[in-house]
Every structure is written in structure tokens, then in C-alpha cells.
N, C-alpha and C. Protein backbone atom coordinates (compact mmCIF):
# COMPACT_ATOMS: atom_id res chain seq x y z
N MET A 1 0.68 -0.91 0.37
CA MET A 1 0.08 -0.35 -0.05
C MET A 1 1.38 1.27 0.33
N VAL A 2 0.28 2.22 -0.83
CA VAL A 2 1.65 3.41 -1.04
C VAL A 2 0.72 4.30 0.24
N ASN A 3 2.06 5.03 0.74
CA ASN A 3 1.65 6.16 1.79
C ASN A 3 1.36 7.65 0.72
N PHE A 4 0.20 8.08 0.95
CA PHE A 4 0.36 9.58 0.69
C PHE A 4 0.66 10.34 1.73
N THR A 5 1.70 11.45 1.10
CA THR A 5 1.46 12.20 1.81
C THR A 5 1.37 13.55 1.37
N LEU A 6 0.84 14.79 2.07
CA LEU A 6 0.41 15.89 1.09
C LEU A 6 2.05 16.28 0.12
N GLN A 7 2.79 16.38 0.51
CA GLN A 7 3.69 16.77 -0.07
C GLN A 7 4.03 15.69 -1.69
N THR A 8 3.98 14.59 -0.97
CA THR A 8 3.83 13.33 -2.28
C THR A 8 2.54 13.58 -3.59
N ILE A 9 1.18 14.13 -2.56
CA ILE A 9 -0.08 14.32 -3.40
C ILE A 9 0.63 15.93 -4.48
N LEU A 10 0.64 16.50 -3.64
CA LEU A 10 1.08 17.96 -4.42
C LEU A 10 2.32 17.67 -5.49
N ARG A 11 3.18 16.47 -5.35
CA ARG A 11 4.70 16.55 -5.81
C ARG A 11 3.86 15.32 -7.32
N HIS A 12 3.25 14.63 -6.96
CA HIS A 12 2.62 13.77 -8.39
C HIS A 12 1.17 13.89 -8.92
N GLY A 13 1.01 15.25 -8.02
CA GLY A 13 -0.19 15.80 -9.27
C GLY A 13 -1.99 14.93 -8.06
N ILE A 14 -2.71 15.41 -8.80
CA ILE A 14 -4.39 15.06 -8.38
C ILE A 14 -4.34 13.81 -8.92
N ALA A 15 -4.48 13.75 -10.30
CA ALA A 15 -4.64 12.71 -10.81
C ALA A 15 -4.19 11.13 -10.06
N GLN A 16 -2.89 11.22 -9.85
CA GLN A 16 -2.08 9.82 -9.98
C GLN A 16 -3.16 9.70 -8.07
N ALA A 17 -3.49 10.65 -7.24
CA ALA A 17 -3.84 10.47 -5.89
C ALA A 17 -5.17 10.25 -5.97
N SER A 18 -6.00 10.74 -6.78
CA SER A 18 -7.28 10.55 -7.05
C SER A 18 -7.52 9.58 -7.64
N SER A 19 -6.64 8.50 -8.43
CA SER A 19 -6.96 6.93 -8.65
C SER A 19 -6.66 6.37 -7.41
N ALA A 20 -5.74 7.04 -6.66
CA ALA A 20 -5.62 5.89 -5.39
C ALA A 20 -6.81 5.73 -4.65
N CYS A 21 -7.69 6.99 -4.45
CA CYS A 21 -8.39 7.12 -3.76
C CYS A 21 -9.31 6.12 -4.29
N ALA A 22 -9.34 5.84 -5.21
CA ALA A 22 -10.53 4.76 -6.03
C ALA A 22 -10.22 2.94 -5.71
N PHE A 23 -9.05 3.22 -4.99
CA PHE A 23 -8.66 1.90 -4.49
C PHE A 23 -8.66 1.78 -2.88
N GLY A 24 -9.09 3.02 -2.25
CA GLY A 24 -9.42 2.78 -0.97
C GLY A 24 -8.38 3.15 0.17
N LEU A 25 -7.82 4.18 -0.37
CA LEU A 25 -6.64 5.05 0.19
C LEU A 25 -7.36 6.19 1.17
N THR A 26 -8.10 5.84 2.14
CA THR A 26 -8.84 6.58 2.94
C THR A 26 -7.95 8.06 3.36
N GLU A 27 -6.56 7.49 3.47
CA GLU A 27 -5.80 9.07 4.01
C GLU A 27 -5.75 9.79 2.67
N TRP A 28 -5.29 9.44 1.55
CA TRP A 28 -5.72 10.93 0.43
C TRP A 28 -7.14 11.18 0.47
N CYS A 29 -8.28 10.41 0.44
CA CYS A 29 -9.81 11.41 0.74
C CYS A 29 -9.34 11.96 1.81
N VAL A 30 -8.47 11.83 2.88
CA VAL A 30 -9.13 12.91 4.10
C VAL A 30 -8.10 14.22 3.10
N LEU A 31 -7.14 13.78 3.11
CA LEU A 31 -6.23 14.45 3.01
C LEU A 31 -6.81 15.53 1.47
N LYS A 32 -7.74 15.05 0.76
CA LYS A 32 -8.25 15.57 -0.54
C LYS A 32 -8.94 16.49 -0.15
N GLY A 33 -9.99 16.26 1.18
CA GLY A 33 -11.05 16.96 1.81
C GLY A 33 -10.31 18.57 2.44
N ILE A 34 -8.97 17.93 3.03
CA ILE A 34 -8.44 19.34 3.57
C ILE A 34 -8.07 19.90 2.60
N ILE A 35 -7.67 19.31 1.51
CA ILE A 35 -7.17 20.59 0.60
C ILE A 35 -8.03 21.51 -0.05
N MET A 36 -9.26 20.56 -0.55
CA MET A 36 -9.98 21.43 -0.90
C MET A 36 -10.78 22.71 0.16
N ASN A 37 -10.77 22.28 1.64
CA ASN A 37 -11.55 23.18 2.18
C ASN A 37 -10.78 24.18 2.70
N GLU A 38 -9.30 24.23 2.30
CA GLU A 38 -8.40 25.26 2.28
C GLU A 38 -8.58 26.74 2.32
N GLY A 39 -9.36 26.51 1.13
CA GLY A 39 -9.78 27.72 0.58
C GLY A 39 -10.61 28.38 0.80
N GLU A 40 -11.91 27.23 1.65
CA GLU A 40 -12.92 27.55 2.21
C GLU A 40 -12.52 28.53 3.64
N LYS A 41 -11.82 27.78 4.21
CA LYS A 41 -11.50 28.52 5.38
C LYS A 41 -10.57 29.89 5.66
N LYS A 42 -9.78 29.93 4.58
CA LYS A 42 -9.43 31.44 4.12
C LYS A 42 -10.25 32.13 3.97
N VAL A 43 -11.62 31.64 2.94
CA VAL A 43 -12.62 32.97 2.80
C VAL A 43 -13.01 33.18 3.82
N VAL A 44 -13.45 32.49 4.58
CA VAL A 44 -14.45 32.49 6.16
C VAL A 44 -14.10 33.38 6.55
N SER A 45 -12.75 32.86 7.08
CA SER A 45 -11.74 33.70 8.01
C SER A 45 -11.88 35.15 7.43
N ARG A 46 -11.59 35.52 6.31
CA ARG A 46 -11.43 36.90 6.03
C ARG A 46 -12.76 37.63 6.04
N MET A 47 -13.85 36.92 5.66
CA MET A 47 -15.18 37.34 5.91
C MET A 47 -15.36 37.64 7.28
N ILE A 48 -15.26 36.79 8.09
CA ILE A 48 -15.32 37.52 9.55
C ILE A 48 -14.44 38.75 10.00
N ALA A 49 -13.12 38.71 10.08
CA ALA A 49 -12.32 39.15 10.04
C ALA A 49 -12.63 40.50 9.26
N LEU A 50 -13.05 40.56 8.39
CA LEU A 50 -13.55 42.07 7.29
C LEU A 50 -15.37 42.42 8.75
N TYR A 51 -15.58 41.49 8.51
CA TYR A 51 -17.21 41.88 9.60
C TYR A 51 -16.75 42.13 10.96
N CYS A 52 -15.97 41.56 11.64
CA CYS A 52 -16.09 42.51 13.13
C CYS A 52 -14.86 43.42 13.42
N ARG A 53 -13.65 43.61 12.22
CA ARG A 53 -13.54 45.26 11.98
C ARG A 53 -14.16 46.34 11.71
N SER A 54 -15.25 45.97 10.57
CA SER A 54 -16.05 47.14 10.56
C SER A 54 -17.39 47.24 11.50
N LYS A 55 -18.06 46.00 12.23
CA LYS A 55 -18.99 46.20 12.99
C LYS A 55 -18.61 46.18 14.43
N HIS A 56 -17.33 45.76 14.98
CA HIS A 56 -16.93 45.75 16.16
C HIS A 56 -15.85 46.61 16.71
N SER A 57 -15.43 47.39 15.38
CA SER A 57 -14.29 48.16 15.65
C SER A 57 -12.92 47.52 16.32
N SER A 58 -12.94 46.50 16.06
CA SER A 58 -11.89 45.68 16.71
C SER A 58 -10.51 45.38 15.62
N GLY A 59 -9.64 45.81 16.01
CA GLY A 59 -8.07 46.29 15.34
C GLY A 59 -7.56 45.00 14.43
N LYS A 60 -6.46 44.01 14.86
CA LYS A 60 -5.96 43.12 13.89
C LYS A 60 -6.94 42.15 14.40
N GLU A 61 -6.91 41.80 16.02
CA GLU A 61 -7.74 41.01 16.91
C GLU A 61 -9.18 40.63 16.46
N LEU A 62 -9.62 39.39 16.53
CA LEU A 62 -10.86 39.53 16.63
C LEU A 62 -11.93 39.57 17.96
N CYS A 63 -12.99 40.16 18.18
CA CYS A 63 -13.45 39.76 19.29
C CYS A 63 -13.77 38.58 19.40
N ALA A 64 -14.28 38.47 20.96
CA ALA A 64 -14.40 37.23 21.95
C ALA A 64 -15.46 36.26 20.58
N GLU A 65 -16.39 37.12 20.44
CA GLU A 65 -17.88 36.70 19.60
C GLU A 65 -17.08 36.05 18.28
N CYS A 66 -16.73 36.87 17.40
CA CYS A 66 -16.41 36.69 16.26
C CYS A 66 -15.18 35.63 16.05
N GLY A 67 -14.11 35.54 17.28
CA GLY A 67 -13.30 34.74 17.58
C GLY A 67 -13.86 33.07 17.14
N SER A 68 -14.78 32.99 18.41
CA SER A 68 -15.26 31.77 18.62
C SER A 68 -16.32 31.33 17.32
N LEU A 69 -16.98 32.65 16.79
CA LEU A 69 -17.76 32.07 15.24
C LEU A 69 -16.86 31.29 14.32
N ARG A 70 -15.65 32.13 14.54
CA ARG A 70 -14.17 31.62 13.08
C ARG A 70 -13.76 30.23 13.74
N ARG A 71 -13.50 29.72 14.85
CA ARG A 71 -13.09 28.47 15.40
C ARG A 71 -14.28 27.58 15.00
N TYR A 72 -15.45 28.07 15.36
CA TYR A 72 -17.12 26.64 15.27
C TYR A 72 -16.62 26.55 13.54
N ALA A 73 -16.62 27.70 12.99
CA ALA A 73 -16.78 27.46 11.21
C ALA A 73 -16.02 26.46 10.85
N LEU A 74 -14.58 27.07 11.50
CA LEU A 74 -13.22 26.30 10.68
C LEU A 74 -13.67 24.87 11.55
N GLN A 75 -14.24 24.76 12.29
CA GLN A 75 -14.12 23.23 12.78
C GLN A 75 -15.51 22.20 12.21
N ARG A 76 -16.38 23.08 11.90
CA ARG A 76 -17.25 22.52 11.03
C ARG A 76 -16.77 22.11 9.59
N LEU A 77 -16.19 23.15 9.12
CA LEU A 77 -14.95 22.77 7.43
C LEU A 77 -14.46 21.34 7.71
N GLU A 78 -13.68 21.43 9.01
CA GLU A 78 -12.46 20.12 9.12
C GLU A 78 -13.61 19.38 9.01
N THR A 79 -14.52 19.04 9.55
CA THR A 79 -15.56 18.00 9.74
C THR A 79 -16.60 18.03 8.98
N CYS A 80 -16.62 18.51 7.75
CA CYS A 80 -17.56 18.26 6.64
C CYS A 80 -17.75 16.48 6.21
N CYS A 81 -18.88 16.12 6.14
CA CYS A 81 -19.26 15.08 5.88
C CYS A 81 -18.93 15.09 4.41
N PHE A 82 -18.87 15.83 3.44
CA PHE A 82 -18.93 16.00 2.14
C PHE A 82 -17.41 15.88 1.56
N GLY A 83 -16.42 16.77 2.42
CA GLY A 83 -15.00 16.50 1.59
C GLY A 83 -14.94 17.36 0.47
N GLU A 84 -14.66 16.93 -0.16
CA GLU A 84 -14.30 17.84 -1.69
C GLU A 84 -15.49 18.12 -2.13
N GLU A 85 -16.32 17.19 -2.10
CA GLU A 85 -17.56 17.65 -3.06
C GLU A 85 -18.48 18.38 -2.22
N LYS A 86 -18.04 19.02 -1.13
CA LYS A 86 -18.78 19.97 -0.49
C LYS A 86 -19.50 21.10 -1.21
N PRO A 87 -20.99 21.26 -1.04
CA PRO A 87 -21.65 21.98 -1.79
C PRO A 87 -21.63 23.78 -0.73
N THR A 88 -22.12 24.46 -0.97
CA THR A 88 -22.09 25.87 -0.46
C THR A 88 -23.14 25.24 1.11
N CYS A 89 -22.58 25.73 2.02
CA CYS A 89 -23.78 25.75 3.08
C CYS A 89 -25.10 25.72 2.93
N ALA A 90 -25.13 26.98 2.17
CA ALA A 90 -26.97 27.39 2.22
C ALA A 90 -27.44 26.01 0.83
N LYS A 91 -26.58 25.64 0.25
CA LYS A 91 -27.36 24.30 -0.30
C LYS A 91 -27.23 22.56 -0.14
N CYS A 92 -26.65 22.64 0.70
CA CYS A 92 -26.41 21.37 1.76
C CYS A 92 -27.51 20.81 2.34
N PRO A 93 -27.87 19.59 2.02
CA PRO A 93 -28.77 19.06 2.92
C PRO A 93 -28.69 18.50 4.01
N VAL A 94 -27.34 18.85 4.41
CA VAL A 94 -26.86 18.51 6.22
C VAL A 94 -26.48 19.68 6.47
N HIS A 95 -27.41 20.54 7.59
CA HIS A 95 -27.13 21.65 7.93
C HIS A 95 -26.33 21.23 9.87
N CYS A 96 -24.98 21.58 9.41
CA CYS A 96 -24.17 20.93 10.76
C CYS A 96 -24.39 22.06 12.00
N TYR A 97 -24.61 23.39 11.26
CA TYR A 97 -24.31 24.61 12.52
C TYR A 97 -25.68 24.81 13.19
N ASN A 98 -25.16 25.02 14.81
CA ASN A 98 -26.40 24.62 15.07
C ASN A 98 -27.11 26.21 15.00
N HIS A 99 -28.73 26.66 15.30
CA HIS A 99 -29.17 27.44 14.92
C HIS A 99 -28.52 28.75 15.06
N SER A 100 -27.98 29.18 16.51
CA SER A 100 -27.40 30.33 17.04
C SER A 100 -26.26 30.95 15.89
N MET A 101 -25.84 29.89 15.45
CA MET A 101 -24.12 29.59 14.74
C MET A 101 -24.75 30.16 13.50
N ARG A 102 -25.60 29.48 12.97
CA ARG A 102 -26.19 29.67 11.62
C ARG A 102 -26.38 30.74 11.68
N GLU A 103 -27.10 31.44 12.35
CA GLU A 103 -27.50 32.75 12.11
C GLU A 103 -26.89 33.79 11.83
N LYS A 104 -25.49 33.55 13.19
CA LYS A 104 -24.45 34.62 12.75
C LYS A 104 -23.61 34.55 11.71
N ILE A 105 -23.42 33.17 11.38
CA ILE A 105 -22.75 33.54 9.84
C ILE A 105 -23.77 34.01 8.80
N LYS A 106 -24.84 33.52 9.03
CA LYS A 106 -25.63 34.32 7.65
C LYS A 106 -25.41 36.01 7.42
N GLU A 107 -25.34 36.44 8.87
CA GLU A 107 -25.29 37.85 8.75
C GLU A 107 -23.91 38.47 8.62
N VAL A 108 -22.68 37.45 8.98
CA VAL A 108 -21.44 37.77 8.50
C VAL A 108 -21.61 37.84 7.06
N MET A 109 -21.76 37.02 6.28
CA MET A 109 -21.62 36.54 5.59
C MET A 109 -22.62 37.65 4.28
N ARG A 110 -23.80 37.65 5.09
CA ARG A 110 -24.65 38.94 4.05
C ARG A 110 -23.77 40.47 4.02
N PHE A 111 -22.99 40.78 4.82
CA PHE A 111 -22.52 41.94 5.19
C PHE A 111 -21.15 41.91 4.57
N ALA A 112 -20.57 40.78 4.53
CA ALA A 112 -19.13 40.37 4.11
C ALA A 112 -18.62 40.17 2.76
N GLY A 113 -19.88 39.41 2.25
CA GLY A 113 -19.41 38.77 0.87
C GLY A 113 -19.58 40.05 -0.24
N PRO A 114 -20.47 40.97 0.02
CA PRO A 114 -20.19 41.97 -1.43
C PRO A 114 -19.20 42.48 -1.45
N GLN A 115 -18.50 42.88 0.54
CA GLN A 115 -17.18 43.72 0.98
C GLN A 115 -16.20 43.08 0.23
N MET A 116 -16.53 41.80 0.38
CA MET A 116 -15.27 41.21 -0.36
C MET A 116 -14.68 40.92 -1.72
N LEU A 117 -15.23 41.79 -2.54
CA LEU A 117 -14.81 42.13 -4.13
C LEU A 117 -14.25 43.09 -3.91
N LEU A 118 -14.33 44.35 -3.10
CA LEU A 118 -13.46 45.55 -2.98
C LEU A 118 -12.17 45.15 -1.83
N VAL A 119 -12.42 44.38 -1.36
CA VAL A 119 -11.14 43.93 -0.23
C VAL A 119 -10.29 43.27 -0.66
N HIS A 120 -10.70 41.83 -1.12
CA HIS A 120 -9.99 40.42 -1.58
C HIS A 120 -10.48 40.48 -2.80
N PRO A 121 -10.20 41.29 -4.32
CA PRO A 121 -11.15 40.76 -5.37
C PRO A 121 -11.11 39.45 -5.75
N VAL A 122 -9.62 38.88 -5.17
CA VAL A 122 -9.64 37.80 -6.51
C VAL A 122 -9.95 36.42 -5.49
N ALA A 123 -9.74 36.87 -4.17
CA ALA A 123 -10.59 35.50 -3.27
C ALA A 123 -11.94 35.33 -3.41
N ALA A 124 -12.06 36.10 -3.58
CA ALA A 124 -13.94 36.73 -3.73
C ALA A 124 -14.38 35.62 -5.22
N ILE A 125 -13.44 36.10 -6.25
CA ILE A 125 -13.98 35.87 -7.48
C ILE A 125 -13.58 34.48 -7.49
N ARG A 126 -12.76 33.71 -7.00
CA ARG A 126 -12.32 32.18 -7.01
C ARG A 126 -13.27 31.74 -6.14
N HIS A 127 -13.74 32.13 -5.02
CA HIS A 127 -14.73 31.28 -4.15
C HIS A 127 -16.10 31.16 -4.89
N LEU A 128 -16.59 32.31 -5.71
CA LEU A 128 -17.72 32.66 -6.07
C LEU A 128 -18.03 31.49 -7.49
N TYR A 129 -16.77 31.30 -7.81
CA TYR A 129 -16.43 29.89 -9.34
C TYR A 129 -16.56 28.74 -8.22
N ARG A 130 -15.51 28.67 -7.48
CA ARG A 130 -15.42 27.26 -6.76
C ARG A 130 -16.73 26.98 -6.32
N GLU A 131 -17.46 27.94 -5.57
CA GLU A 131 -19.12 27.90 -5.35
C GLU A 131 -20.25 27.00 -6.32
N ARG A 132 -20.47 27.81 -7.60
CA ARG A 132 -20.47 27.54 -8.50
C ARG A 132 -20.56 25.98 -9.24
N ARG A 133 -19.43 25.92 -9.57
CA ARG A 133 -18.84 24.73 -10.29
C ARG A 133 -19.26 23.65 -9.03
N HIS A 134 -18.85 23.49 -7.92
CA HIS A 134 -19.19 22.30 -7.29
C HIS A 134 -20.65 22.42 -6.88
N GLU A 135 -21.78 23.55 -6.71
CA GLU A 135 -22.83 23.58 -6.55
C GLU A 135 -23.61 22.31 -8.10
N ARG A 136 -23.14 22.76 -9.31
CA ARG A 136 -23.63 22.04 -10.17
C ARG A 136 -23.16 20.69 -9.88
N ASP A 137 -22.02 20.15 -9.54
CA ASP A 137 -21.28 19.27 -9.83
C ASP A 137 -22.10 18.12 -8.62
N PHE A 138 -22.35 19.12 -7.56
CA PHE A 138 -22.84 18.64 -6.32
C PHE A 138 -24.87 18.11 -6.76
N THR A 139 -25.55 19.06 -7.76
CA THR A 139 -26.68 18.89 -7.78
C THR A 139 -26.90 17.96 -9.09
N ALA A 140 -25.56 17.84 -9.88
CA ALA A 140 -25.64 16.39 -10.69
C ALA A 140 -25.55 15.46 -10.39
N LYS A 141 -24.90 15.09 -9.14
CA LYS A 141 -24.26 13.63 -8.49
C LYS A 141 -25.96 13.51 -8.16
N VAL A 142 -26.39 14.74 -6.95
CA VAL A 142 -27.73 14.03 -6.18
C VAL A 142 -28.84 13.86 -7.11
N LYS A 143 -29.01 14.68 -8.41
CA LYS A 143 -29.94 13.80 -9.59
C LYS A 143 -29.97 12.55 -10.05
N ALA A 144 -28.41 12.35 -10.43
CA ALA A 144 -28.17 10.81 -10.58
C ALA A 144 -28.35 9.72 -9.88
N ASN A 145 -28.20 9.90 -8.53
CA ASN A 145 -28.62 9.16 -7.61
C ASN A 145 -29.96 9.23 -7.41
N ARG A 146 -31.00 9.86 -7.82
CA ARG A 146 -32.27 9.68 -7.50
C ARG A 146 -32.92 9.29 -8.55
N ASN A 147 -32.18 8.96 -9.97
CA ASN A 147 -32.42 7.99 -10.81
C ASN A 147 -32.46 6.35 -10.96
N ARG A 148 -31.60 6.38 -9.96
CA ARG A 148 -31.11 5.02 -10.05
C ARG A 148 -31.99 3.87 -9.00
């Protein structure tokens, strides 16, 4: 059995490691999800920081409320059951956030989403592209599974 580390995956490319996942190498499947969710973790962290600076007049450090929201959001991304194929949280059939945290993150995203285009335009466009692509792929898989 081949031991895929993150360094090996990046060196040999996604295609080789993807085929390894088909053979049941769960380590790669976990790493694949982590690689996918790293971009989302950065975007969520930036959105929460932007929201906190604007609404709570915090400096570089997050206030206690926003810090706990960030930790909660990152923990949810790490344990997402969909891994690489994760849809956007709004389109996800499994709502893993508790009600109060879901309301807080919605408020943050409503405020910070449009602001991201001005503050971090490349990250925002990359996130929107990834969101649309994964939404399209996820919807297609759900429809295919229903037809079986």
C-alpha cells in the first residue's frame, strides 16, 4: 500500500492521487477534503475578520464573539462529511451548524460578501467560481443518485 502524504500528492499531482482514492486509500480521501476546504477556511476567516473590524471596531484581533464564530466555522469545515464535494452551506442537505451559529454566519456573509469584492477581489471571485462549480457538480450527482 502506498503512503500518500501531502507532499507526495502535491509532487505527483491530483490525478495519480485521485486514482489511489478509488483503491480505498482513506488517507488520501481525508487529505483531498482538507486541501479542498483550505480555500474555504481562508475565505470564511477573511469574511469574519472583515465583519468584526467593521461592526465591532476591532483591530487586527477578533473580538471574543467573532473569534468563537471563526473557530466554530473552521471546525465545521474540517469535519464536513462531504469533503471535496462539499456544496455551499446554503445548498447543503445537512445543516451542521446549530441555529444560533447559523444565524451569526448568515449575518456575517450578508455583510462581508459584497465587501469581499472590494477588499479581496481575487479571493472573492475564486470563491464564487468554486461555489458555482461545486454546486453544479453536487446537484448533478444528487440527480443521478435519485434516478437509480
